[in-house]
N, C-alpha and C. Protein backbone atom coordinates (compact mmCIF):
# COMPACT_ATOMS: atom_id res chain seq x y z
N UNK A 1 61.93 12.43 15.55
CA UNK A 1 62.87 11.58 14.74
C UNK A 1 61.60 11.72 13.45
N UNK A 2 62.21 12.02 12.48
CA UNK A 2 61.27 12.24 11.16
C UNK A 2 60.95 10.73 10.75
N UNK A 3 59.39 11.00 10.00
CA UNK A 3 58.61 9.50 9.52
C UNK A 3 59.36 9.65 8.20
N UNK A 4 59.16 8.42 7.33
CA UNK A 4 59.60 8.22 5.77
C UNK A 4 59.36 9.38 5.21
N UNK A 5 57.89 9.75 5.30
CA UNK A 5 57.26 10.67 4.63
C UNK A 5 57.32 11.73 4.55
N UNK A 6 58.52 12.25 5.50
CA UNK A 6 58.74 13.85 5.96
C UNK A 6 59.98 13.89 5.66
N UNK A 7 60.84 13.13 4.91
CA UNK A 7 62.22 13.23 4.53
C UNK A 7 62.38 14.08 3.37
N UNK A 8 63.11 15.40 3.16
CA UNK A 8 63.42 16.30 2.16
C UNK A 8 63.74 15.41 0.89
N UNK A 9 63.73 16.16 0.02
CA UNK A 9 64.48 15.82 -1.38
C UNK A 9 65.62 15.29 -1.48
N UNK A 10 66.69 16.21 -0.38
CA UNK A 10 68.04 16.14 -0.48
C UNK A 10 68.35 14.80 0.44
N UNK A 11 67.62 14.42 1.01
CA UNK A 11 67.91 12.91 1.83
C UNK A 11 67.66 12.09 0.86
N UNK A 12 66.44 11.82 0.68
CA UNK A 12 66.27 11.06 -0.39
C UNK A 12 66.87 10.52 -1.67
N UNK A 13 67.66 12.10 -2.20
CA UNK A 13 68.62 11.57 -3.56
C UNK A 13 70.09 11.40 -2.43
N UNK A 14 70.44 11.71 -1.63
CA UNK A 14 71.42 10.83 -0.92
C UNK A 14 71.39 9.49 -0.43
N UNK A 15 70.03 9.01 -0.43
CA UNK A 15 70.06 7.51 -0.21
C UNK A 15 70.02 6.82 -1.45
N UNK A 16 69.76 7.67 -2.20
CA UNK A 16 69.65 7.07 -3.35
C UNK A 16 71.20 6.93 -4.25
N UNK A 17 72.18 7.88 -4.34
CA UNK A 17 73.19 8.01 -4.24
C UNK A 17 74.20 7.26 -3.87
N UNK A 18 73.79 7.12 -2.62
CA UNK A 18 75.06 6.50 -1.70
C UNK A 18 74.24 5.07 -1.74
N UNK A 19 73.33 4.38 -1.69
CA UNK A 19 72.96 3.17 -1.50
C UNK A 19 72.68 2.43 -3.13
N UNK A 20 72.09 3.11 -3.64
CA UNK A 20 72.23 2.88 -5.42
C UNK A 20 71.96 1.11 -5.39
N UNK A 21 70.91 0.79 -4.71
CA UNK A 21 70.15 -0.54 -4.80
C UNK A 21 68.70 -0.42 -4.94
N UNK A 22 68.39 -1.50 -5.37
CA UNK A 22 66.50 -1.63 -5.90
C UNK A 22 65.66 -1.26 -4.17
N UNK A 23 66.51 -1.81 -3.43
CA UNK A 23 65.26 -1.17 -1.89
C UNK A 23 65.29 0.24 -2.09
N UNK A 24 66.05 1.24 -2.55
CA UNK A 24 66.07 2.45 -2.10
C UNK A 24 64.31 2.85 -2.66
N UNK A 25 63.93 2.06 -3.87
CA UNK A 25 62.93 2.48 -4.30
C UNK A 25 61.97 2.70 -3.23
N UNK A 26 61.60 1.73 -2.08
CA UNK A 26 60.81 1.76 -1.20
C UNK A 26 61.42 2.96 -0.36
N UNK A 27 62.41 3.16 0.10
CA UNK A 27 62.48 4.21 0.52
C UNK A 27 62.08 5.63 0.39
N UNK A 28 62.55 6.14 -1.21
CA UNK A 28 61.68 7.45 -1.29
C UNK A 28 60.54 7.07 -1.84
N UNK A 29 59.53 6.19 -1.99
CA UNK A 29 58.67 5.95 -1.59
C UNK A 29 57.80 5.09 -1.26
N UNK A 30 57.62 5.08 0.07
CA UNK A 30 57.41 4.02 0.91
C UNK A 30 55.59 3.38 0.33
N UNK A 31 55.11 4.08 -0.59
CA UNK A 31 53.53 3.48 -0.97
C UNK A 31 53.53 2.38 -1.94
N UNK A 32 54.98 2.55 -2.67
CA UNK A 32 55.24 0.38 -3.43
C UNK A 32 55.21 -0.33 -2.58
N UNK A 33 55.81 -0.28 -1.40
CA UNK A 33 55.40 -1.63 -0.95
C UNK A 33 53.84 -2.26 -0.75
N UNK A 34 53.42 -1.36 -1.09
CA UNK A 34 52.06 -2.04 -0.95
C UNK A 34 50.77 -1.69 -2.36
N UNK A 35 51.99 -1.50 -3.30
CA UNK A 35 51.31 -1.18 -4.54
C UNK A 35 51.77 -2.12 -5.67
N UNK A 36 51.02 -2.98 -6.77
CA UNK A 36 51.37 -3.58 -7.80
C UNK A 36 52.62 -2.90 -8.58
N UNK A 37 53.54 -3.54 -8.80
CA UNK A 37 54.49 -2.70 -9.74
C UNK A 37 54.15 -3.21 -10.95
N UNK A 38 53.19 -3.06 -11.69
CA UNK A 38 52.95 -2.97 -12.90
C UNK A 38 51.39 -2.75 -12.97
N UNK A 39 50.56 -2.44 -14.59
CA UNK A 39 49.02 -2.03 -14.52
C UNK A 39 49.32 -3.32 -15.64
N UNK A 40 47.91 -3.73 -16.02
CA UNK A 40 47.55 -4.36 -17.41
C UNK A 40 46.87 -3.79 -18.06
N UNK A 41 47.10 -3.95 -19.29
CA UNK A 41 46.37 -2.93 -20.11
C UNK A 41 46.35 -4.05 -21.63
N UNK A 42 45.14 -4.30 -21.87
CA UNK A 42 45.38 -5.54 -22.62
C UNK A 42 46.34 -6.74 -22.73
N UNK A 43 46.09 -6.94 -21.47
CA UNK A 43 46.54 -8.36 -21.19
C UNK A 43 48.32 -8.31 -20.92
N UNK A 44 48.68 -7.09 -21.13
CA UNK A 44 50.57 -6.98 -21.06
C UNK A 44 50.73 -6.08 -20.14
N UNK A 45 51.72 -6.64 -19.08
CA UNK A 45 52.11 -5.96 -17.73
C UNK A 45 52.72 -5.07 -18.32
N UNK A 46 52.41 -3.66 -17.87
CA UNK A 46 53.45 -2.40 -18.16
C UNK A 46 53.73 -1.79 -16.87
N UNK A 47 55.21 -1.39 -17.37
CA UNK A 47 55.64 -0.96 -15.59
C UNK A 47 56.77 0.33 -16.15
N UNK A 48 56.80 1.28 -15.07
CA UNK A 48 57.39 2.55 -15.31
C UNK A 48 58.99 1.79 -14.46
N UNK A 49 60.01 2.35 -15.29
CA UNK A 49 61.30 1.71 -14.97
C UNK A 49 62.02 2.94 -14.58
N UNK A 50 61.47 4.30 -14.25
CA UNK A 50 62.20 5.35 -13.85
C UNK A 50 62.63 4.84 -11.88
N UNK A 51 63.95 5.23 -11.44
CA UNK A 51 63.77 6.02 -10.73
C UNK A 51 63.16 6.92 -9.96
N UNK A 52 63.52 7.40 -8.67
CA UNK A 52 63.20 9.03 -8.47
C UNK A 52 64.39 9.78 -9.17
N UNK A 53 63.62 10.82 -9.40
CA UNK A 53 63.93 11.92 -9.49
C UNK A 53 64.01 12.22 -11.36
N UNK A 54 63.44 10.89 -12.01
CA UNK A 54 63.56 10.72 -13.44
C UNK A 54 62.49 11.16 -14.16
N UNK A 55 61.57 11.03 -13.83
CA UNK A 55 59.77 11.20 -14.14
C UNK A 55 59.70 12.83 -14.05
N UNK A 56 59.17 12.64 -15.70
CA UNK A 56 59.00 13.82 -16.43
C UNK A 56 57.51 14.44 -16.86
N UNK A 57 57.15 13.18 -17.02
CA UNK A 57 55.56 12.84 -17.33
C UNK A 57 54.55 12.98 -16.06
N UNK A 58 54.35 12.53 -14.95
CA UNK A 58 53.22 12.43 -14.08
C UNK A 58 53.46 12.87 -13.13
N UNK A 59 52.53 14.34 -13.05
CA UNK A 59 52.31 15.04 -12.39
C UNK A 59 52.57 14.71 -11.11
N UNK A 60 52.62 13.21 -10.47
CA UNK A 60 52.37 13.05 -9.23
C UNK A 60 53.86 13.04 -8.95
N UNK A 61 54.69 12.38 -10.06
CA UNK A 61 56.02 12.31 -9.51
C UNK A 61 56.95 13.41 -9.45
N UNK A 62 56.42 14.83 -10.51
CA UNK A 62 57.00 15.36 -11.28
C UNK A 62 56.63 17.12 -10.70
N UNK A 63 57.59 18.31 -10.53
CA UNK A 63 57.49 19.40 -10.41
C UNK A 63 58.60 19.69 -11.15
N UNK A 64 58.18 20.82 -12.10
CA UNK A 64 59.36 21.52 -12.55
C UNK A 64 60.07 22.15 -11.84
N UNK A 65 61.58 22.06 -11.93
CA UNK A 65 62.54 22.01 -11.10
C UNK A 65 62.81 21.47 -10.33
N UNK A 66 62.25 19.97 -10.14
CA UNK A 66 62.49 19.15 -8.84
C UNK A 66 62.82 19.57 -7.49
N UNK A 67 62.06 21.10 -6.96
CA UNK A 67 62.48 21.32 -5.64
C UNK A 67 61.73 20.68 -4.24
N UNK A 68 60.73 19.98 -4.72
CA UNK A 68 60.12 19.22 -3.29
C UNK A 68 60.04 17.76 -3.98
N UNK A 69 59.74 16.95 -2.67
CA UNK A 69 60.67 15.98 -2.42
C UNK A 69 59.56 14.63 -3.08
N UNK A 70 58.23 15.35 -3.26
CA UNK A 70 57.49 14.26 -4.45
C UNK A 70 58.10 14.34 -5.62
N UNK A 71 59.07 14.79 -6.57
CA UNK A 71 60.10 14.48 -7.76
C UNK A 71 60.93 13.75 -7.24
N UNK A 72 61.22 13.26 -6.07
CA UNK A 72 62.33 12.14 -5.77
C UNK A 72 61.76 10.87 -5.39
N UNK A 73 60.25 10.64 -5.69
CA UNK A 73 59.49 9.62 -5.27
C UNK A 73 59.59 8.53 -5.93
N UNK A 74 60.17 7.27 -5.99
CA UNK A 74 60.11 5.93 -7.22
C UNK A 74 58.79 6.33 -7.56
N UNK A 75 58.68 6.52 -9.02
CA UNK A 75 57.53 6.56 -9.78
C UNK A 75 56.48 5.27 -9.91
N UNK A 76 55.37 5.31 -9.64
CA UNK A 76 54.73 3.88 -10.02
C UNK A 76 53.79 4.56 -11.47
N UNK A 77 53.63 3.08 -12.22
CA UNK A 77 52.85 3.54 -12.97
C UNK A 77 51.60 3.72 -12.97
N UNK A 78 50.83 4.52 -14.04
CA UNK A 78 49.26 4.48 -13.85
C UNK A 78 48.96 4.78 -15.61
N UNK A 79 47.86 4.40 -15.95
CA UNK A 79 46.95 4.35 -16.96
C UNK A 79 47.42 6.42 -17.77
N UNK A 80 47.61 7.14 -16.88
CA UNK A 80 47.97 8.33 -17.61
C UNK A 80 49.17 8.64 -18.17
N UNK A 81 50.33 7.67 -18.15
CA UNK A 81 51.84 7.78 -18.31
C UNK A 81 51.38 7.68 -20.04
N UNK A 82 52.33 8.60 -20.68
CA UNK A 82 52.21 8.64 -21.89
C UNK A 82 53.23 7.50 -22.71
N UNK A 83 52.83 7.13 -23.88
CA UNK A 83 53.65 6.14 -24.78
C UNK A 83 55.41 7.01 -24.86
N UNK A 84 55.05 8.21 -24.79
CA UNK A 84 56.41 8.74 -25.47
C UNK A 84 57.61 9.16 -24.04
N UNK A 85 57.09 8.89 -23.14
CA UNK A 85 58.12 8.35 -21.63
C UNK A 85 59.08 7.32 -22.37
N UNK A 86 59.93 7.71 -22.06
CA UNK A 86 61.14 6.47 -22.30
C UNK A 86 61.57 5.79 -21.19
N UNK A 87 60.84 5.61 -20.27
CA UNK A 87 60.57 4.83 -18.84
C UNK A 87 59.49 3.93 -19.41
N UNK A 88 58.50 4.14 -19.78
CA UNK A 88 57.17 3.18 -19.63
C UNK A 88 57.82 2.27 -20.92
N UNK A 89 57.48 0.85 -20.52
CA UNK A 89 58.07 -0.25 -20.93
C UNK A 89 56.73 -1.60 -20.43
N UNK A 90 56.58 -2.19 -21.76
CA UNK A 90 56.06 -3.75 -21.12
C UNK A 90 56.90 -4.59 -20.83
N UNK A 91 56.75 -5.57 -20.04
CA UNK A 91 56.97 -6.88 -19.88
C UNK A 91 57.31 -8.04 -20.59
N UNK A 92 58.06 -7.98 -21.58
CA UNK A 92 58.31 -8.65 -22.43
C UNK A 92 58.86 -10.40 -21.80
N UNK A 93 58.71 -11.16 -20.87
CA UNK A 93 59.30 -12.38 -20.28
C UNK A 93 58.57 -13.15 -20.96
N UNK A 94 57.56 -13.31 -21.35
CA UNK A 94 56.25 -13.74 -21.79
C UNK A 94 56.29 -14.20 -23.34
N UNK A 95 56.95 -12.78 -23.56
CA UNK A 95 56.71 -12.47 -25.59
C UNK A 95 57.48 -13.71 -25.77
N UNK A 96 57.48 -14.32 -27.14
CA UNK A 96 58.42 -15.22 -27.85
C UNK A 96 59.92 -14.39 -28.05
N UNK A 97 60.65 -15.30 -27.91
CA UNK A 97 62.42 -14.47 -27.83
C UNK A 97 62.41 -14.03 -29.42
N UNK A 98 62.68 -12.63 -29.57
CA UNK A 98 63.24 -12.32 -31.03
C UNK A 98 61.82 -11.62 -31.60
N UNK A 99 60.95 -11.81 -30.71
CA UNK A 99 59.46 -11.21 -31.38
C UNK A 99 59.93 -9.64 -31.35
N UNK A 100 60.03 -9.13 -30.07
CA UNK A 100 60.28 -7.95 -29.24
C UNK A 100 61.38 -6.97 -30.28
N UNK A 101 61.66 -6.06 -31.11
CA UNK A 101 62.82 -5.62 -31.53
C UNK A 101 63.24 -4.60 -30.42
N UNK A 102 62.57 -4.13 -29.72
CA UNK A 102 63.25 -3.58 -28.40
C UNK A 102 63.51 -3.74 -27.34
N UNK A 103 63.55 -5.12 -27.02
CA UNK A 103 63.60 -6.06 -25.72
C UNK A 103 65.00 -5.48 -25.43
N UNK A 104 64.72 -5.17 -24.24
CA UNK A 104 66.02 -4.69 -23.61
C UNK A 104 66.14 -5.78 -22.01
N UNK A 105 67.11 -5.86 -21.32
CA UNK A 105 67.54 -6.61 -20.17
C UNK A 105 67.72 -5.40 -18.92
N UNK A 106 67.50 -5.24 -17.89
CA UNK A 106 68.54 -4.44 -17.21
C UNK A 106 69.39 -5.18 -16.04
N UNK A 107 70.32 -4.82 -15.90
CA UNK A 107 71.43 -4.90 -14.71
C UNK A 107 70.73 -5.51 -13.56
N UNK A 108 70.60 -6.72 -12.78
CA UNK A 108 69.96 -6.54 -11.34
C UNK A 108 70.30 -5.42 -10.93
N UNK A 109 71.52 -4.99 -10.54
CA UNK A 109 71.56 -3.91 -9.56
C UNK A 109 70.42 -2.32 -9.95
N UNK A 110 70.36 -2.70 -11.27
CA UNK A 110 69.93 -1.27 -11.47
C UNK A 110 68.38 -1.41 -11.58
N UNK A 111 67.70 -3.12 -11.58
CA UNK A 111 66.22 -3.15 -11.46
C UNK A 111 65.56 -2.88 -10.48
N UNK A 112 64.78 -1.76 -10.64
CA UNK A 112 63.72 -1.38 -9.16
C UNK A 112 62.88 -2.55 -8.83
N UNK A 113 62.63 -3.62 -9.80
CA UNK A 113 61.58 -4.26 -9.66
C UNK A 113 62.09 -6.03 -9.06
N UNK A 114 63.56 -5.43 -8.45
CA UNK A 114 64.04 -6.73 -7.73
C UNK A 114 63.91 -7.77 -8.04
N UNK A 115 64.41 -8.38 -9.63
CA UNK A 115 64.02 -9.63 -10.38
C UNK A 115 62.92 -9.86 -10.79
N UNK A 116 62.21 -9.17 -10.12
CA UNK A 116 60.41 -10.10 -10.72
C UNK A 116 60.20 -10.02 -12.08
N UNK A 117 61.00 -9.33 -12.83
CA UNK A 117 61.11 -9.31 -14.74
C UNK A 117 62.37 -9.47 -14.90
N UNK A 118 62.26 -10.09 -16.14
CA UNK A 118 63.84 -9.98 -16.88
C UNK A 118 64.18 -9.21 -18.21
N UNK A 119 63.18 -9.10 -18.97
CA UNK A 119 63.23 -8.25 -20.71
C UNK A 119 61.71 -7.43 -20.19
N UNK A 120 62.10 -6.41 -21.10
CA UNK A 120 61.35 -5.18 -21.17
C UNK A 120 61.31 -4.49 -22.62
N UNK A 121 60.27 -4.20 -23.01
CA UNK A 121 60.39 -3.94 -24.89
C UNK A 121 59.46 -2.81 -24.67
N UNK A 122 59.17 -1.87 -25.51
CA UNK A 122 58.38 -0.59 -26.05
C UNK A 122 57.33 -1.11 -27.45
N UNK A 123 56.81 -2.03 -27.23
CA UNK A 123 56.02 -2.70 -28.33
C UNK A 123 54.89 -2.33 -28.25
N UNK A 124 54.64 -1.33 -28.21
CA UNK A 124 52.83 -0.57 -27.86
C UNK A 124 51.90 -0.73 -28.75
N UNK A 125 52.11 -1.42 -29.54
CA UNK A 125 51.38 -2.03 -30.36
C UNK A 125 50.19 -3.44 -29.66
N UNK A 126 50.78 -3.91 -29.18
CA UNK A 126 50.62 -4.93 -28.27
C UNK A 126 49.32 -4.47 -26.97
N UNK A 127 49.48 -3.08 -27.08
CA UNK A 127 48.24 -2.79 -25.83
C UNK A 127 47.05 -2.06 -26.85
N UNK A 128 47.16 -2.09 -28.06
CA UNK A 128 46.26 -1.86 -29.00
C UNK A 128 44.74 -2.92 -28.72
N UNK A 129 43.36 -2.44 -28.57
CA UNK A 129 42.91 -3.38 -29.15
C UNK A 129 42.59 -4.42 -29.74
N UNK A 130 42.67 -5.83 -29.17
CA UNK A 130 42.58 -6.56 -30.46
C UNK A 130 40.81 -6.64 -30.95
N UNK A 131 40.80 -6.80 -32.42
CA UNK A 131 39.65 -6.84 -32.52
C UNK A 131 38.94 -8.15 -32.90
C-alpha cells in the first residue's frame, strides 16, 4: 500500500475533485497538519488561500507543466510569496469592519482553513514597518 507521500499527482487531483472539502488539503499535503496555517508579518496574519494545483509563485509547490506531485500539494504560506500572487491574503477578522476595501469572505466549503478565519483582505500596506 502506498504511503500518502508516495501518491501520484493524478491520485491527489482525483481526491480534490471527488471530495471537494477542506480536509483534502491535509490529504494532498500531510505537512499542513503540523504547520501553522499563517505567518506573522508586522503583527498581521498572512495566509495562502490557494488549493493544491493553484500555486504559481512558490517553487516548493509549483513546477511548470504541473507534471509532478508537488504541484498538487496544498501550499503553505512563507515569506518568499510575492504580493502579486492573488492567493496571498491578510486575515482581516480583527480589522475594523469596512476599513479593508478588498475584504472578502470565503464560503466555508471552499475555505481550506476550516473556519479558523472568516474574512481576508489584500491591504498589504499593513505589512510595511511602522515608523
